[in-house]
Amino acid sequence: MYVAAVVEIVYAVADGHWLASYMSSLFTAIEAADTSRSGTQVPTSEIKDLILVIAIVVGIMAALIWLWIAWKNRAGRNWARVVATVLFALSCLGLPELLTGGHLSTMPSTFTSADGATIAVPPLAIPAWLIAAAVVSWLLGLAIIILLWQRAASRYYEAVSLSRRRPAFTPYAAPGYGAPGYAPPGYAPPGYTSPGYTSPGCAPPGSPQWQPYGQPPAAPQDPQAPPRPPLA
């Protein structure tokens, strides 16, 4: 598609140059038939320059469309592939007239001016080099469409479309670990103490070594002495 964008600009300049020459000869024929000189006299050089500028602008716009479609297809947009196919189908409509050198054109050979003069229209004969350039551009477009609809390209569009539907952040943990808030396999959750487990340095409640948090250690009791009342 990048190559097609460059070819489009070159072809537009060549086509504009030929069209400017043809329109110049047409205006020359009109001026020659206008014996009363009532029509507006436009310099032929200005006509050629205007048509050439228009052709260049159209070629640049066509190249920008090619680049835009190329970027969207590279991004995996399936609709861009469809748009490229539709544009190529539209370009095929003028191919028969182009291949015949303009002989299928319905342009009349003569027409009558306002003062009744008959003006001979120059024949619309497209040169062979311009036909060859158009055929090369068309073949390039055909190759692009074939590549866009290959099976590998379809897999690429499907993969990109699938990646866009997936969430950017997954709430699941890495393989081998549970969801957030759960301990890895073989470990207890945070804050959980298994039955019969005591932290190092702590005694279970009810044992002689157990005491409430913040209280001074109690003096050892005589086994024969009566039990002490519990602390308040």
C-alpha atoms as a PDB file:
ATOM      1  CA  MET A   1       0.000   0.000   0.000  1.00  0.00           C
ATOM      2  CA  TYR A   2       2.926   2.367   0.609  1.00  0.00           C
ATOM      3  CA  VAL A   3       4.166   1.619  -2.904  1.00  0.00           C
ATOM      4  CA  ALA A   4       0.660   2.195  -4.250  1.00  0.00           C
ATOM      5  CA  ALA A   5       0.567   5.610  -2.569  1.00  0.00           C
ATOM      6  CA  VAL A   6       3.760   6.657  -4.359  1.00  0.00           C
ATOM      7  CA  VAL A   7       2.535   5.226  -7.674  1.00  0.00           C
ATOM      8  CA  GLU A   8      -0.748   7.098  -7.247  1.00  0.00           C
ATOM      9  CA  ILE A   9       1.030  10.457  -7.038  1.00  0.00           C
ATOM     10  CA  VAL A  10       3.230   9.701 -10.076  1.00  0.00           C
ATOM     11  CA  TYR A  11       0.235   8.517 -12.091  1.00  0.00           C
ATOM     12  CA  ALA A  12      -1.811  11.583 -11.088  1.00  0.00           C
ATOM     13  CA  VAL A  13       0.942  13.924 -12.301  1.00  0.00           C
ATOM     14  CA  ALA A  14       1.262  12.039 -15.619  1.00  0.00           C
ATOM     15  CA  ASP A  15      -2.497  11.915 -16.093  1.00  0.00           C
ATOM     16  CA  GLY A  16      -2.799  15.611 -15.240  1.00  0.00           C
ATOM     17  CA  HIS A  17      -0.119  16.509 -17.756  1.00  0.00           C
ATOM     18  CA  TRP A  18      -1.918  14.647 -20.538  1.00  0.00           C
ATOM     19  CA  LEU A  19      -5.342  15.994 -19.547  1.00  0.00           C
ATOM     20  CA  ALA A  20      -3.975  19.536 -19.457  1.00  0.00           C
ATOM     21  CA  SER A  21      -2.636  19.130 -22.986  1.00  0.00           C
ATOM     22  CA  TYR A  22      -5.957  17.732 -24.196  1.00  0.00           C
ATOM     23  CA  MET A  23      -8.022  20.502 -22.610  1.00  0.00           C
ATOM     24  CA  SER A  24      -5.604  23.063 -24.023  1.00  0.00           C
ATOM     25  CA  SER A  25      -6.189  21.726 -27.538  1.00  0.00           C
ATOM     26  CA  LEU A  26      -9.944  21.736 -26.916  1.00  0.00           C
ATOM     27  CA  PHE A  27      -9.949  25.383 -25.833  1.00  0.00           C
ATOM     28  CA  THR A  28      -7.757  26.237 -28.812  1.00  0.00           C
ATOM     29  CA  ALA A  29     -10.346  24.687 -31.138  1.00  0.00           C
ATOM     30  CA  ILE A  30     -13.141  26.641 -29.418  1.00  0.00           C
ATOM     31  CA  GLU A  31     -11.277  29.932 -29.756  1.00  0.00           C
ATOM     32  CA  ALA A  32     -10.552  29.238 -33.429  1.00  0.00           C
ATOM     33  CA  ALA A  33     -14.236  28.610 -34.135  1.00  0.00           C
ATOM     34  CA  ASP A  34     -15.333  31.748 -32.273  1.00  0.00           C
ATOM     35  CA  THR A  35     -15.108  34.198 -35.168  1.00  0.00           C
ATOM     36  CA  SER A  36     -16.988  36.921 -33.307  1.00  0.00           C
ATOM     37  CA  ARG A  37     -14.525  36.793 -30.380  1.00  0.00           C
ATOM     38  CA  SER A  38     -17.463  37.061 -27.994  1.00  0.00           C
ATOM     39  CA  GLY A  39     -16.172  34.372 -25.657  1.00  0.00           C
ATOM     40  CA  THR A  40     -13.794  34.925 -22.778  1.00  0.00           C
ATOM     41  CA  GLN A  41     -10.219  34.578 -23.905  1.00  0.00           C
ATOM     42  CA  VAL A  42      -8.300  32.445 -21.427  1.00  0.00           C
ATOM     43  CA  PRO A  43      -4.564  31.906 -21.954  1.00  0.00           C
ATOM     44  CA  THR A  44      -3.790  28.312 -22.798  1.00  0.00           C
ATOM     45  CA  SER A  45      -0.849  28.203 -20.377  1.00  0.00           C
ATOM     46  CA  GLU A  46      -3.096  29.127 -17.459  1.00  0.00           C
ATOM     47  CA  ILE A  47      -5.536  26.372 -18.386  1.00  0.00           C
ATOM     48  CA  LYS A  48      -2.776  23.785 -18.450  1.00  0.00           C
ATOM     49  CA  ASP A  49      -1.344  24.936 -15.131  1.00  0.00           C
ATOM     50  CA  LEU A  50      -4.765  24.894 -13.461  1.00  0.00           C
ATOM     51  CA  ILE A  51      -5.579  21.376 -14.639  1.00  0.00           C
ATOM     52  CA  LEU A  52      -2.127  20.127 -13.633  1.00  0.00           C
ATOM     53  CA  VAL A  53      -2.494  21.599 -10.127  1.00  0.00           C
ATOM     54  CA  ILE A  54      -5.921  19.990  -9.741  1.00  0.00           C
ATOM     55  CA  ALA A  55      -4.511  16.633 -10.844  1.00  0.00           C
ATOM     56  CA  ILE A  56      -1.652  16.881  -8.350  1.00  0.00           C
ATOM     57  CA  VAL A  57      -4.038  17.757  -5.506  1.00  0.00           C
ATOM     58  CA  VAL A  58      -6.265  14.794  -6.409  1.00  0.00           C
ATOM     59  CA  GLY A  59      -3.200  12.521  -6.518  1.00  0.00           C
ATOM     60  CA  ILE A  60      -2.059  13.664  -3.083  1.00  0.00           C
ATOM     61  CA  MET A  61      -5.518  13.063  -1.652  1.00  0.00           C
ATOM     62  CA  ALA A  62      -5.566   9.566  -3.182  1.00  0.00           C
ATOM     63  CA  ALA A  63      -2.115   8.845  -1.727  1.00  0.00           C
ATOM     64  CA  LEU A  64      -3.257   9.989   1.720  1.00  0.00           C
ATOM     65  CA  ILE A  65      -6.247   7.664   1.485  1.00  0.00           C
ATOM     66  CA  TRP A  66      -3.889   4.796   0.618  1.00  0.00           C
ATOM     67  CA  LEU A  67      -1.686   5.607   3.610  1.00  0.00           C
ATOM     68  CA  TRP A  68      -4.682   5.882   5.932  1.00  0.00           C
ATOM     69  CA  ILE A  69      -6.018   2.507   4.800  1.00  0.00           C
ATOM     70  CA  ALA A  70      -2.535   1.003   5.131  1.00  0.00           C
ATOM     71  CA  TRP A  71      -2.210   2.197   8.744  1.00  0.00           C
ATOM     72  CA  LYS A  72      -5.659   0.902   9.657  1.00  0.00           C
ATOM     73  CA  ASN A  73      -4.996  -2.491   8.069  1.00  0.00           C
ATOM     74  CA  ARG A  74      -1.689  -2.711   9.890  1.00  0.00           C
ATOM     75  CA  ALA A  75      -3.619  -2.037  13.107  1.00  0.00           C
ATOM     76  CA  GLY A  76      -5.828  -5.047  12.343  1.00  0.00           C
ATOM     77  CA  ARG A  77      -9.039  -3.158  11.512  1.00  0.00           C
ATOM     78  CA  ASN A  78     -11.120  -5.544   9.441  1.00  0.00           C
ATOM     79  CA  TRP A  79     -13.334  -2.721   8.127  1.00  0.00           C
ATOM     80  CA  ALA A  80     -10.250  -1.152   6.514  1.00  0.00           C
ATOM     81  CA  ARG A  81      -9.807  -4.310   4.463  1.00  0.00           C
ATOM     82  CA  VAL A  82     -13.407  -4.023   3.296  1.00  0.00           C
ATOM     83  CA  VAL A  83     -12.965  -0.333   2.422  1.00  0.00           C
ATOM     84  CA  ALA A  84      -9.855  -1.115   0.387  1.00  0.00           C
ATOM     85  CA  THR A  85     -11.785  -3.791  -1.503  1.00  0.00           C
ATOM     86  CA  VAL A  86     -14.673  -1.416  -2.279  1.00  0.00           C
ATOM     87  CA  LEU A  87     -12.306   1.296  -3.531  1.00  0.00           C
ATOM     88  CA  PHE A  88     -10.540  -1.201  -5.770  1.00  0.00           C
ATOM     89  CA  ALA A  89     -13.896  -2.362  -7.171  1.00  0.00           C
ATOM     90  CA  LEU A  90     -14.777   1.253  -7.979  1.00  0.00           C
ATOM     91  CA  SER A  91     -11.465   1.704  -9.766  1.00  0.00           C
ATOM     92  CA  CYS A  92     -12.339  -1.232 -12.012  1.00  0.00           C
ATOM     93  CA  LEU A  93     -15.320   0.637 -13.460  1.00  0.00           C
ATOM     94  CA  GLY A  94     -13.133   2.859 -15.660  1.00  0.00           C
ATOM     95  CA  LEU A  95     -10.764   0.071 -16.688  1.00  0.00           C
ATOM     96  CA  PRO A  96     -12.531  -0.902 -19.978  1.00  0.00           C
ATOM     97  CA  GLU A  97     -12.479   2.655 -21.311  1.00  0.00           C
ATOM     98  CA  LEU A  98      -8.868   3.051 -20.249  1.00  0.00           C
ATOM     99  CA  LEU A  99      -7.757  -0.170 -21.956  1.00  0.00           C
ATOM    100  CA  THR A 100      -9.458   0.871 -25.198  1.00  0.00           C
ATOM    101  CA  GLY A 101      -7.673   4.201 -25.191  1.00  0.00           C
ATOM    102  CA  GLY A 102     -10.815   6.247 -24.603  1.00  0.00           C
ATOM    103  CA  HIS A 103     -12.685   4.922 -27.648  1.00  0.00           C
ATOM    104  CA  LEU A 104     -15.655   3.942 -25.479  1.00  0.00           C
ATOM    105  CA  SER A 105     -16.181   7.557 -24.518  1.00  0.00           C
ATOM    106  CA  THR A 106     -19.546   9.115 -25.427  1.00  0.00           C
ATOM    107  CA  MET A 107     -18.020  12.527 -26.057  1.00  0.00           C
ATOM    108  CA  PRO A 108     -19.340  13.961 -29.376  1.00  0.00           C
ATOM    109  CA  SER A 109     -16.918  14.672 -32.178  1.00  0.00           C
ATOM    110  CA  THR A 110     -18.442  18.125 -32.835  1.00  0.00           C
ATOM    111  CA  PHE A 111     -20.654  20.614 -31.064  1.00  0.00           C
ATOM    112  CA  THR A 112     -22.231  23.918 -31.983  1.00  0.00           C
ATOM    113  CA  SER A 113     -21.307  27.184 -30.274  1.00  0.00           C
ATOM    114  CA  ALA A 114     -23.721  29.952 -29.286  1.00  0.00           C
ATOM    115  CA  ASP A 115     -23.266  31.810 -32.594  1.00  0.00           C
ATOM    116  CA  GLY A 116     -23.966  28.660 -34.623  1.00  0.00           C
ATOM    117  CA  ALA A 117     -20.377  27.765 -35.437  1.00  0.00           C
ATOM    118  CA  THR A 118     -19.436  24.078 -35.543  1.00  0.00           C
ATOM    119  CA  ILE A 119     -16.473  23.161 -33.371  1.00  0.00           C
ATOM    120  CA  ALA A 120     -14.559  19.955 -33.952  1.00  0.00           C
ATOM    121  CA  VAL A 121     -13.696  18.219 -30.678  1.00  0.00           C
ATOM    122  CA  PRO A 122     -10.190  16.702 -30.565  1.00  0.00           C
ATOM    123  CA  PRO A 123     -10.343  12.905 -30.295  1.00  0.00           C
ATOM    124  CA  LEU A 124      -9.947  11.519 -26.791  1.00  0.00           C
ATOM    125  CA  ALA A 125      -6.931   9.344 -27.565  1.00  0.00           C
ATOM    126  CA  ILE A 126      -5.202   8.198 -24.394  1.00  0.00           C
ATOM    127  CA  PRO A 127      -1.500   7.576 -25.058  1.00  0.00           C
ATOM    128  CA  ALA A 128      -0.075   4.088 -24.679  1.00  0.00           C
ATOM    129  CA  TRP A 129       2.366   5.071 -21.912  1.00  0.00           C
ATOM    130  CA  LEU A 130      -0.514   6.384 -19.796  1.00  0.00           C
ATOM    131  CA  ILE A 131      -2.488   3.181 -20.386  1.00  0.00           C
ATOM    132  CA  ALA A 132       0.547   1.134 -19.318  1.00  0.00           C
ATOM    133  CA  ALA A 133       0.920   3.216 -16.133  1.00  0.00           C
ATOM    134  CA  ALA A 134      -2.762   2.730 -15.324  1.00  0.00           C
ATOM    135  CA  VAL A 135      -2.481  -1.034 -15.845  1.00  0.00           C
ATOM    136  CA  VAL A 136       0.514  -1.207 -13.504  1.00  0.00           C
ATOM    137  CA  SER A 137      -1.414   0.744 -10.865  1.00  0.00           C
ATOM    138  CA  TRP A 138      -4.429  -1.560 -11.277  1.00  0.00           C
ATOM    139  CA  LEU A 139      -2.302  -4.715 -11.011  1.00  0.00           C
ATOM    140  CA  LEU A 140      -0.728  -3.339  -7.857  1.00  0.00           C
ATOM    141  CA  GLY A 141      -4.172  -2.774  -6.374  1.00  0.00           C
ATOM    142  CA  LEU A 142      -5.207  -6.309  -7.348  1.00  0.00           C
ATOM    143  CA  ALA A 143      -2.131  -7.743  -5.599  1.00  0.00           C
ATOM    144  CA  ILE A 144      -2.975  -5.735  -2.471  1.00  0.00           C
ATOM    145  CA  ILE A 145      -6.538  -7.061  -2.366  1.00  0.00           C
ATOM    146  CA  ILE A 146      -5.357 -10.650  -2.854  1.00  0.00           C
ATOM    147  CA  LEU A 147      -2.880 -10.293   0.003  1.00  0.00           C
ATOM    148  CA  LEU A 148      -5.481  -8.718   2.268  1.00  0.00           C
ATOM    149  CA  TRP A 149      -7.820 -11.691   1.886  1.00  0.00           C
ATOM    150  CA  GLN A 150      -5.232 -14.426   2.383  1.00  0.00           C
ATOM    151  CA  ARG A 151      -5.885 -16.940   5.153  1.00  0.00           C
ATOM    152  CA  ALA A 152      -2.876 -15.729   7.125  1.00  0.00           C
ATOM    153  CA  ALA A 153      -4.166 -12.158   6.943  1.00  0.00           C
ATOM    154  CA  SER A 154      -7.602 -13.274   8.150  1.00  0.00           C
ATOM    155  CA  ARG A 155      -6.004 -14.967  11.162  1.00  0.00           C
ATOM    156  CA  TYR A 156      -4.144 -11.744  11.897  1.00  0.00           C
ATOM    157  CA  TYR A 157      -7.354  -9.698  11.860  1.00  0.00           C
ATOM    158  CA  GLU A 158      -9.091 -12.245  14.088  1.00  0.00           C
ATOM    159  CA  ALA A 159      -6.203 -12.282  16.575  1.00  0.00           C
ATOM    160  CA  VAL A 160      -6.116  -8.503  16.820  1.00  0.00           C
ATOM    161  CA  SER A 161      -9.890  -8.343  17.223  1.00  0.00           C
ATOM    162  CA  LEU A 162      -9.744 -10.977  19.987  1.00  0.00           C
ATOM    163  CA  SER A 163      -6.988  -9.103  21.815  1.00  0.00           C
ATOM    164  CA  ARG A 164      -9.118  -5.943  21.823  1.00  0.00           C
ATOM    165  CA  ARG A 165     -12.048  -7.779  23.421  1.00  0.00           C
ATOM    166  CA  ARG A 166      -9.922  -9.090  26.300  1.00  0.00           C
ATOM    167  CA  PRO A 167      -9.688  -6.891  29.422  1.00  0.00           C
ATOM    168  CA  ALA A 168      -6.442  -5.030  29.868  1.00  0.00           C
ATOM    169  CA  PHE A 169      -6.241  -6.091  33.580  1.00  0.00           C
ATOM    170  CA  THR A 170      -7.171  -9.547  34.763  1.00  0.00           C
ATOM    171  CA  PRO A 171      -8.257 -10.033  38.413  1.00  0.00           C
ATOM    172  CA  TYR A 172      -6.654 -13.459  38.545  1.00  0.00           C
ATOM    173  CA  ALA A 173      -3.261 -14.081  40.090  1.00  0.00           C
ATOM    174  CA  ALA A 174      -0.247 -15.577  38.390  1.00  0.00           C
ATOM    175  CA  PRO A 175      -0.160 -19.346  37.778  1.00  0.00           C
ATOM    176  CA  GLY A 176       0.492 -21.281  41.011  1.00  0.00           C
ATOM    177  CA  TYR A 177      -1.046 -18.629  43.239  1.00  0.00           C
ATOM    178  CA  GLY A 178      -4.587 -17.994  44.329  1.00  0.00           C
ATOM    179  CA  ALA A 179      -6.649 -14.869  43.931  1.00  0.00           C
ATOM    180  CA  PRO A 180      -5.709 -11.779  45.978  1.00  0.00           C
ATOM    181  CA  GLY A 181      -6.387 -12.372  49.699  1.00  0.00           C
ATOM    182  CA  TYR A 182      -5.610 -16.061  49.534  1.00  0.00           C
ATOM    183  CA  ALA A 183      -2.348 -17.658  50.494  1.00  0.00           C
ATOM    184  CA  PRO A 184      -0.284 -19.763  48.100  1.00  0.00           C
ATOM    185  CA  PRO A 185      -0.687 -23.550  48.293  1.00  0.00           C
ATOM    186  CA  GLY A 186       0.768 -24.981  51.507  1.00  0.00           C
ATOM    187  CA  TYR A 187       0.388 -21.754  53.487  1.00  0.00           C
ATOM    188  CA  ALA A 188      -2.387 -20.563  55.745  1.00  0.00           C
ATOM    189  CA  PRO A 189      -4.321 -17.406  54.870  1.00  0.00           C
ATOM    190  CA  PRO A 190      -3.318 -14.181  56.642  1.00  0.00           C
ATOM    191  CA  GLY A 191      -4.703 -14.006  60.208  1.00  0.00           C
ATOM    192  CA  TYR A 192      -5.492 -17.704  60.355  1.00  0.00           C
ATOM    193  CA  THR A 193      -4.041 -19.901  63.104  1.00  0.00           C
ATOM    194  CA  SER A 194      -4.377 -23.619  62.928  1.00  0.00           C
ATOM    195  CA  PRO A 195      -5.761 -25.453  65.982  1.00  0.00           C
ATOM    196  CA  GLY A 196      -3.123 -26.168  68.596  1.00  0.00           C
ATOM    197  CA  TYR A 197      -0.664 -23.669  67.098  1.00  0.00           C
ATOM    198  CA  THR A 198       0.882 -20.971  69.284  1.00  0.00           C
ATOM    199  CA  SER A 199       3.255 -18.297  68.237  1.00  0.00           C
ATOM    200  CA  PRO A 200       6.797 -18.584  69.468  1.00  0.00           C
ATOM    201  CA  GLY A 201       7.100 -17.243  73.024  1.00  0.00           C
ATOM    202  CA  CYS A 202       3.341 -17.464  73.753  1.00  0.00           C
ATOM    203  CA  ALA A 203       1.535 -20.048  75.823  1.00  0.00           C
ATOM    204  CA  PRO A 204      -2.009 -21.230  75.214  1.00  0.00           C
ATOM    205  CA  PRO A 205      -4.720 -19.822  77.537  1.00  0.00           C
ATOM    206  CA  GLY A 206      -5.190 -21.784  80.759  1.00  0.00           C
ATOM    207  CA  SER A 207      -1.602 -22.994  80.940  1.00  0.00           C
ATOM    208  CA  PRO A 208       0.527 -22.026  83.953  1.00  0.00           C
ATOM    209  CA  GLN A 209       2.741 -19.924  81.663  1.00  0.00           C
ATOM    210  CA  TRP A 210      -0.168 -18.001  80.154  1.00  0.00           C
ATOM    211  CA  GLN A 211      -0.776 -14.395  81.167  1.00  0.00           C
ATOM    212  CA  PRO A 212      -2.751 -11.515  79.672  1.00  0.00           C
ATOM    213  CA  TYR A 213      -0.957  -9.155  77.351  1.00  0.00           C
ATOM    214  CA  GLY A 214       0.679  -6.208  79.139  1.00  0.00           C
ATOM    215  CA  GLN A 215       0.715  -7.837  82.628  1.00  0.00           C
ATOM    216  CA  PRO A 216       3.993  -8.509  84.465  1.00  0.00           C
ATOM    217  CA  PRO A 217       5.016 -12.139  84.620  1.00  0.00           C
ATOM    218  CA  ALA A 218       3.460 -13.932  87.564  1.00  0.00           C
ATOM    219  CA  ALA A 219       5.557 -15.509  90.258  1.00  0.00           C
ATOM    220  CA  PRO A 220       5.686 -19.286  90.237  1.00  0.00           C
ATOM    221  CA  GLN A 221       3.023 -20.865  92.491  1.00  0.00           C
ATOM    222  CA  ASP A 222       3.468 -23.605  94.991  1.00  0.00           C
ATOM    223  CA  PRO A 223       1.590 -26.697  93.862  1.00  0.00           C
ATOM    224  CA  GLN A 224       0.317 -27.158  97.428  1.00  0.00           C
ATOM    225  CA  ALA A 225      -0.908 -23.541  97.785  1.00  0.00           C
ATOM    226  CA  PRO A 226      -4.556 -22.753  97.081  1.00  0.00           C
ATOM    227  CA  PRO A 227      -5.266 -21.320  93.610  1.00  0.00           C
ATOM    228  CA  ARG A 228      -5.134 -17.583  93.228  1.00  0.00           C
ATOM    229  CA  PRO A 229      -8.216 -15.686  92.198  1.00  0.00           C
ATOM    230  CA  PRO A 230      -8.223 -14.627  88.549  1.00  0.00           C
ATOM    231  CA  LEU A 231      -7.068 -11.149  87.677  1.00  0.00           C
ATOM    232  CA  ALA A 232      -9.753  -8.580  86.986  1.00  0.00           C
END
